[in-house]
Amino acid sequence: MKASVMLQHDREFACLLAFDVKVERDAQEVADSLGVRIFTADIIYHLFDQFMGYKSELLQRRKEENKNNAVFPCRLRILPTCIFNSRDPIVIGVTVINGSLRAGTPICVPSKDFIFLGIVTSLEINNKQIECASTGQDVCIKIENVGGDAPKLYGRHFDENDVLVSRISRESIDTLKEYFRDDMSKTDWKLIVELKKLFEIM
């Protein structure tokens, strides 16, 4: 079965599309044993819809599997009148200068030798939790220390004069390209280019 060749490259796309054809029991058993998925339909549009639905499910599954490696680009300005907790967890108000800020984003301070503050664990607007904040929005964020580094203190290690940015990497950029391209705007990609230069990522 030629479709089984795909098992060597991407086993999830080892598929057969059977349009207006009866799939014999023996063929189905062989396909099952090889790990080949068969889609069948009497109407070509239904067959197309089945396969596209399968592709969409795969993408969502891969997004879920890789979400911890995906770091969306953002640049943040601290709101000096909105410092609610200066030490771990740091709770401050920020304006999203550009990009998109999401829970799970690692935050650092380029102007202070790229000191790492921690991971954004929650975002709130008007005391309501949100998933994402975009350009121009003011949002309250909680940054929690991770790893063995000593917690950073607002006012000592950084202050309102510093711009905060998401700490991207080659791996995070590749993950965005592979699985989250549809979640990125042109301005997001432009910011990625700027941050790549900032972090000297090849």
C-alpha atoms as a PDB file:
ATOM      1  CA  MET A   1       0.000   0.000   0.000  1.00  0.00           C
ATOM      2  CA  LYS A   2       1.746   3.126  -1.293  1.00  0.00           C
ATOM      3  CA  ALA A   3       0.225   5.403   1.352  1.00  0.00           C
ATOM      4  CA  SER A   4       2.271   3.554   3.959  1.00  0.00           C
ATOM      5  CA  VAL A   5       5.389   5.274   2.572  1.00  0.00           C
ATOM      6  CA  MET A   6       4.192   8.384   4.435  1.00  0.00           C
ATOM      7  CA  LEU A   7       4.710   6.509   7.706  1.00  0.00           C
ATOM      8  CA  GLN A   8       8.438   7.148   7.271  1.00  0.00           C
ATOM      9  CA  HIS A   9       7.899  10.912   6.910  1.00  0.00           C
ATOM     10  CA  ASP A  10       4.728  11.906   8.777  1.00  0.00           C
ATOM     11  CA  ARG A  11       2.635   8.983   9.978  1.00  0.00           C
ATOM     12  CA  GLU A  12      -0.410  11.159  10.639  1.00  0.00           C
ATOM     13  CA  PHE A  13      -0.670  11.885   6.903  1.00  0.00           C
ATOM     14  CA  ALA A  14      -0.493   8.236   5.840  1.00  0.00           C
ATOM     15  CA  CYS A  15      -4.009   8.466   4.395  1.00  0.00           C
ATOM     16  CA  LEU A  16      -6.078   7.169   1.503  1.00  0.00           C
ATOM     17  CA  LEU A  17      -9.015   9.157   0.090  1.00  0.00           C
ATOM     18  CA  ALA A  18     -11.529   6.726  -1.443  1.00  0.00           C
ATOM     19  CA  PHE A  19     -14.083   8.573  -3.572  1.00  0.00           C
ATOM     20  CA  ASP A  20     -17.175   6.562  -4.567  1.00  0.00           C
ATOM     21  CA  VAL A  21     -15.297   3.306  -3.990  1.00  0.00           C
ATOM     22  CA  LYS A  22     -16.141   0.446  -1.684  1.00  0.00           C
ATOM     23  CA  VAL A  23     -13.246  -0.414   0.594  1.00  0.00           C
ATOM     24  CA  GLU A  24     -13.041  -4.171   0.944  1.00  0.00           C
ATOM     25  CA  ARG A  25     -12.671  -5.666   4.386  1.00  0.00           C
ATOM     26  CA  ASP A  26      -9.242  -7.122   3.563  1.00  0.00           C
ATOM     27  CA  ALA A  27      -7.995  -3.727   2.376  1.00  0.00           C
ATOM     28  CA  GLN A  28      -9.269  -2.067   5.555  1.00  0.00           C
ATOM     29  CA  GLU A  29      -7.505  -4.681   7.702  1.00  0.00           C
ATOM     30  CA  VAL A  30      -4.226  -4.163   5.819  1.00  0.00           C
ATOM     31  CA  ALA A  31      -4.571  -0.390   6.198  1.00  0.00           C
ATOM     32  CA  ASP A  32      -5.259  -0.764   9.922  1.00  0.00           C
ATOM     33  CA  SER A  33      -2.240  -3.031  10.375  1.00  0.00           C
ATOM     34  CA  LEU A  34       0.008  -0.529   8.550  1.00  0.00           C
ATOM     35  CA  GLY A  35      -1.386   2.492  10.360  1.00  0.00           C
ATOM     36  CA  VAL A  36      -2.932   3.980   7.211  1.00  0.00           C
ATOM     37  CA  ARG A  37      -6.178   5.928   7.645  1.00  0.00           C
ATOM     38  CA  ILE A  38      -8.871   5.565   4.953  1.00  0.00           C
ATOM     39  CA  PHE A  39     -11.482   8.237   4.267  1.00  0.00           C
ATOM     40  CA  THR A  40     -14.491   7.241   2.190  1.00  0.00           C
ATOM     41  CA  ALA A  41     -17.409   9.203   0.717  1.00  0.00           C
ATOM     42  CA  ASP A  42     -19.746   9.072  -2.251  1.00  0.00           C
ATOM     43  CA  ILE A  43     -19.613  12.847  -2.710  1.00  0.00           C
ATOM     44  CA  ILE A  44     -16.243  14.454  -3.402  1.00  0.00           C
ATOM     45  CA  TYR A  45     -17.003  17.524  -1.267  1.00  0.00           C
ATOM     46  CA  HIS A  46     -17.775  15.312   1.723  1.00  0.00           C
ATOM     47  CA  LEU A  47     -14.487  13.506   1.239  1.00  0.00           C
ATOM     48  CA  PHE A  48     -12.662  16.837   1.086  1.00  0.00           C
ATOM     49  CA  ASP A  49     -14.456  18.056   4.234  1.00  0.00           C
ATOM     50  CA  GLN A  50     -13.517  14.856   6.100  1.00  0.00           C
ATOM     51  CA  PHE A  51      -9.853  15.208   5.249  1.00  0.00           C
ATOM     52  CA  MET A  52      -9.717  18.945   6.003  1.00  0.00           C
ATOM     53  CA  GLY A  53     -11.452  18.291   9.334  1.00  0.00           C
ATOM     54  CA  TYR A  54      -8.821  15.659  10.088  1.00  0.00           C
ATOM     55  CA  LYS A  55      -6.022  18.116   9.214  1.00  0.00           C
ATOM     56  CA  SER A  56      -7.585  20.736  11.482  1.00  0.00           C
ATOM     57  CA  GLU A  57      -7.763  18.232  14.367  1.00  0.00           C
ATOM     58  CA  LEU A  58      -4.110  17.356  13.822  1.00  0.00           C
ATOM     59  CA  LEU A  59      -3.078  21.008  13.882  1.00  0.00           C
ATOM     60  CA  GLN A  60      -5.004  21.638  17.102  1.00  0.00           C
ATOM     61  CA  ARG A  61      -3.408  18.569  18.681  1.00  0.00           C
ATOM     62  CA  ARG A  62       0.065  19.695  17.640  1.00  0.00           C
ATOM     63  CA  LYS A  63      -0.611  23.213  18.897  1.00  0.00           C
ATOM     64  CA  GLU A  64      -1.543  21.763  22.278  1.00  0.00           C
ATOM     65  CA  GLU A  65       1.579  19.565  22.309  1.00  0.00           C
ATOM     66  CA  ASN A  66       3.851  22.490  21.400  1.00  0.00           C
ATOM     67  CA  LYS A  67       2.187  25.408  23.194  1.00  0.00           C
ATOM     68  CA  ASN A  68       4.890  25.535  25.870  1.00  0.00           C
ATOM     69  CA  ASN A  69       7.540  26.096  23.182  1.00  0.00           C
ATOM     70  CA  ALA A  70       5.581  28.852  21.436  1.00  0.00           C
ATOM     71  CA  VAL A  71       6.610  32.328  22.607  1.00  0.00           C
ATOM     72  CA  PHE A  72       4.603  35.089  20.956  1.00  0.00           C
ATOM     73  CA  PRO A  73       6.468  38.376  20.505  1.00  0.00           C
ATOM     74  CA  CYS A  74       5.566  41.361  22.669  1.00  0.00           C
ATOM     75  CA  ARG A  75       7.049  44.593  23.937  1.00  0.00           C
ATOM     76  CA  LEU A  76       5.639  46.054  27.174  1.00  0.00           C
ATOM     77  CA  ARG A  77       5.734  49.437  28.911  1.00  0.00           C
ATOM     78  CA  ILE A  78       5.354  49.415  32.701  1.00  0.00           C
ATOM     79  CA  LEU A  79       2.599  51.580  34.184  1.00  0.00           C
ATOM     80  CA  PRO A  80       4.357  53.172  37.213  1.00  0.00           C
ATOM     81  CA  THR A  81       1.079  53.844  39.050  1.00  0.00           C
ATOM     82  CA  CYS A  82       0.108  50.179  38.816  1.00  0.00           C
ATOM     83  CA  ILE A  83       2.757  48.349  40.843  1.00  0.00           C
ATOM     84  CA  PHE A  84       0.779  45.939  43.030  1.00  0.00           C
ATOM     85  CA  ASN A  85       3.542  43.566  44.119  1.00  0.00           C
ATOM     86  CA  SER A  86       7.217  44.302  43.532  1.00  0.00           C
ATOM     87  CA  ARG A  87       8.614  40.842  44.370  1.00  0.00           C
ATOM     88  CA  ASP A  88       7.833  37.280  43.348  1.00  0.00           C
ATOM     89  CA  PRO A  89       5.192  37.062  42.168  1.00  0.00           C
ATOM     90  CA  ILE A  90       5.600  40.444  40.481  1.00  0.00           C
ATOM     91  CA  VAL A  91       2.153  41.961  39.863  1.00  0.00           C
ATOM     92  CA  ILE A  92       2.198  45.088  37.702  1.00  0.00           C
ATOM     93  CA  GLY A  93       0.209  46.949  35.111  1.00  0.00           C
ATOM     94  CA  VAL A  94       1.647  47.208  31.606  1.00  0.00           C
ATOM     95  CA  THR A  95       0.742  48.597  28.218  1.00  0.00           C
ATOM     96  CA  VAL A  96       1.314  46.301  25.267  1.00  0.00           C
ATOM     97  CA  ILE A  97       3.419  48.517  22.987  1.00  0.00           C
ATOM     98  CA  ASN A  98       3.211  45.940  20.206  1.00  0.00           C
ATOM     99  CA  GLY A  99       2.753  42.230  19.699  1.00  0.00           C
ATOM    100  CA  SER A 100       0.538  39.968  21.790  1.00  0.00           C
ATOM    101  CA  LEU A 101       1.006  38.965  25.411  1.00  0.00           C
ATOM    102  CA  ARG A 102      -0.219  35.560  26.593  1.00  0.00           C
ATOM    103  CA  ALA A 103      -0.037  33.439  29.703  1.00  0.00           C
ATOM    104  CA  GLY A 104       3.138  31.368  29.627  1.00  0.00           C
ATOM    105  CA  THR A 105       5.247  34.129  28.062  1.00  0.00           C
ATOM    106  CA  PRO A 106       8.800  34.375  29.462  1.00  0.00           C
ATOM    107  CA  ILE A 107       9.682  38.017  30.173  1.00  0.00           C
ATOM    108  CA  CYS A 108      13.097  39.676  30.249  1.00  0.00           C
ATOM    109  CA  VAL A 109      14.626  43.175  30.394  1.00  0.00           C
ATOM    110  CA  PRO A 110      17.027  43.873  27.467  1.00  0.00           C
ATOM    111  CA  SER A 111      18.231  47.178  28.952  1.00  0.00           C
ATOM    112  CA  LYS A 112      19.405  45.336  32.074  1.00  0.00           C
ATOM    113  CA  ASP A 113      21.583  42.724  30.365  1.00  0.00           C
ATOM    114  CA  PHE A 114      18.496  40.698  29.414  1.00  0.00           C
ATOM    115  CA  ILE A 115      17.758  39.870  33.045  1.00  0.00           C
ATOM    116  CA  PHE A 116      15.033  37.206  33.179  1.00  0.00           C
ATOM    117  CA  LEU A 117      12.049  38.095  35.362  1.00  0.00           C
ATOM    118  CA  GLY A 118       9.981  34.932  35.026  1.00  0.00           C
ATOM    119  CA  ILE A 119       6.859  33.632  33.302  1.00  0.00           C
ATOM    120  CA  VAL A 120       3.575  35.496  32.896  1.00  0.00           C
ATOM    121  CA  THR A 121       1.068  33.262  34.664  1.00  0.00           C
ATOM    122  CA  SER A 122      -2.054  35.418  34.437  1.00  0.00           C
ATOM    123  CA  LEU A 123      -3.458  38.511  32.725  1.00  0.00           C
ATOM    124  CA  GLU A 124      -6.398  40.625  33.903  1.00  0.00           C
ATOM    125  CA  ILE A 125      -8.374  43.578  32.604  1.00  0.00           C
ATOM    126  CA  ASN A 126     -10.893  45.113  35.034  1.00  0.00           C
ATOM    127  CA  ASN A 127     -10.402  42.154  37.403  1.00  0.00           C
ATOM    128  CA  LYS A 128     -11.346  39.662  34.679  1.00  0.00           C
ATOM    129  CA  GLN A 129      -8.900  37.023  33.495  1.00  0.00           C
ATOM    130  CA  ILE A 130      -8.092  37.112  29.792  1.00  0.00           C
ATOM    131  CA  GLU A 131      -6.125  34.795  27.519  1.00  0.00           C
ATOM    132  CA  CYS A 132      -4.332  37.403  25.432  1.00  0.00           C
ATOM    133  CA  ALA A 133      -3.619  41.145  25.397  1.00  0.00           C
ATOM    134  CA  SER A 134      -2.791  42.882  22.130  1.00  0.00           C
ATOM    135  CA  THR A 135      -1.234  46.138  20.968  1.00  0.00           C
ATOM    136  CA  GLY A 136      -2.504  49.190  22.849  1.00  0.00           C
ATOM    137  CA  GLN A 137      -4.177  47.338  25.704  1.00  0.00           C
ATOM    138  CA  ASP A 138      -3.446  48.052  29.364  1.00  0.00           C
ATOM    139  CA  VAL A 139      -3.376  44.847  31.382  1.00  0.00           C
ATOM    140  CA  CYS A 140      -2.428  43.670  34.861  1.00  0.00           C
ATOM    141  CA  ILE A 141       0.013  40.761  34.758  1.00  0.00           C
ATOM    142  CA  LYS A 142       1.485  38.350  37.266  1.00  0.00           C
ATOM    143  CA  ILE A 143       5.096  37.258  36.637  1.00  0.00           C
ATOM    144  CA  GLU A 144       6.283  34.252  38.609  1.00  0.00           C
ATOM    145  CA  ASN A 145       9.876  33.219  39.141  1.00  0.00           C
ATOM    146  CA  VAL A 146      10.850  29.850  37.654  1.00  0.00           C
ATOM    147  CA  GLY A 147      13.983  27.800  37.942  1.00  0.00           C
ATOM    148  CA  GLY A 148      16.702  28.341  40.517  1.00  0.00           C
ATOM    149  CA  ASP A 149      17.398  32.031  39.890  1.00  0.00           C
ATOM    150  CA  ALA A 150      16.907  34.471  42.746  1.00  0.00           C
ATOM    151  CA  PRO A 151      13.597  36.382  42.400  1.00  0.00           C
ATOM    152  CA  LYS A 152      13.910  39.814  40.793  1.00  0.00           C
ATOM    153  CA  LEU A 153      12.655  42.931  42.538  1.00  0.00           C
ATOM    154  CA  TYR A 154      10.869  45.858  40.909  1.00  0.00           C
ATOM    155  CA  GLY A 155      12.715  49.041  41.823  1.00  0.00           C
ATOM    156  CA  ARG A 156      16.041  47.265  42.262  1.00  0.00           C
ATOM    157  CA  HIS A 157      16.580  45.067  39.210  1.00  0.00           C
ATOM    158  CA  PHE A 158      14.259  46.985  36.849  1.00  0.00           C
ATOM    159  CA  ASP A 159      11.817  49.893  36.930  1.00  0.00           C
ATOM    160  CA  GLU A 160       9.298  51.876  34.874  1.00  0.00           C
ATOM    161  CA  ASN A 161      12.031  53.186  32.575  1.00  0.00           C
ATOM    162  CA  ASP A 162      12.739  49.695  31.245  1.00  0.00           C
ATOM    163  CA  VAL A 163      10.859  48.074  28.383  1.00  0.00           C
ATOM    164  CA  LEU A 164       9.967  44.420  28.942  1.00  0.00           C
ATOM    165  CA  VAL A 165       9.994  41.931  26.076  1.00  0.00           C
ATOM    166  CA  SER A 166       9.127  38.295  25.536  1.00  0.00           C
ATOM    167  CA  ARG A 167      12.235  36.114  25.600  1.00  0.00           C
ATOM    168  CA  ILE A 168      12.178  34.404  22.237  1.00  0.00           C
ATOM    169  CA  SER A 169      14.563  31.746  20.935  1.00  0.00           C
ATOM    170  CA  ARG A 170      15.310  29.914  17.708  1.00  0.00           C
ATOM    171  CA  GLU A 171      13.127  27.035  18.948  1.00  0.00           C
ATOM    172  CA  SER A 172      10.205  29.308  19.794  1.00  0.00           C
ATOM    173  CA  ILE A 173      10.372  31.012  16.386  1.00  0.00           C
ATOM    174  CA  ASP A 174      10.406  27.654  14.586  1.00  0.00           C
ATOM    175  CA  THR A 175       7.423  26.507  16.664  1.00  0.00           C
ATOM    176  CA  LEU A 176       5.452  29.625  15.680  1.00  0.00           C
ATOM    177  CA  LYS A 177       6.264  29.050  12.016  1.00  0.00           C
ATOM    178  CA  GLU A 178       5.314  25.384  12.132  1.00  0.00           C
ATOM    179  CA  TYR A 179       2.159  25.365  14.251  1.00  0.00           C
ATOM    180  CA  PHE A 180       0.968  28.900  15.022  1.00  0.00           C
ATOM    181  CA  ARG A 181       1.377  30.742  11.730  1.00  0.00           C
ATOM    182  CA  ASP A 182      -2.365  31.476  11.566  1.00  0.00           C
ATOM    183  CA  ASP A 183      -2.218  33.107  15.017  1.00  0.00           C
ATOM    184  CA  MET A 184       0.480  35.566  13.921  1.00  0.00           C
ATOM    185  CA  SER A 185      -0.151  38.875  12.126  1.00  0.00           C
ATOM    186  CA  LYS A 186       2.244  40.671   9.778  1.00  0.00           C
ATOM    187  CA  THR A 187       3.141  43.107  12.567  1.00  0.00           C
ATOM    188  CA  ASP A 188       3.861  40.143  14.870  1.00  0.00           C
ATOM    189  CA  TRP A 189       6.336  38.749  12.334  1.00  0.00           C
ATOM    190  CA  LYS A 190       7.888  42.210  11.973  1.00  0.00           C
ATOM    191  CA  LEU A 191       8.384  42.301  15.745  1.00  0.00           C
ATOM    192  CA  ILE A 192       9.925  38.811  15.609  1.00  0.00           C
ATOM    193  CA  VAL A 193      12.494  40.161  13.141  1.00  0.00           C
ATOM    194  CA  GLU A 194      13.291  43.075  15.474  1.00  0.00           C
ATOM    195  CA  LEU A 195      13.612  40.801  18.499  1.00  0.00           C
ATOM    196  CA  LYS A 196      15.802  38.367  16.571  1.00  0.00           C
ATOM    197  CA  LYS A 197      18.286  41.197  16.040  1.00  0.00           C
ATOM    198  CA  LEU A 198      17.992  42.222  19.685  1.00  0.00           C
ATOM    199  CA  PHE A 199      18.678  38.695  20.921  1.00  0.00           C
ATOM    200  CA  GLU A 200      21.192  38.043  18.113  1.00  0.00           C
ATOM    201  CA  ILE A 201      19.327  34.938  16.956  1.00  0.00           C
ATOM    202  CA  MET A 202      20.556  33.563  13.664  1.00  0.00           C
END
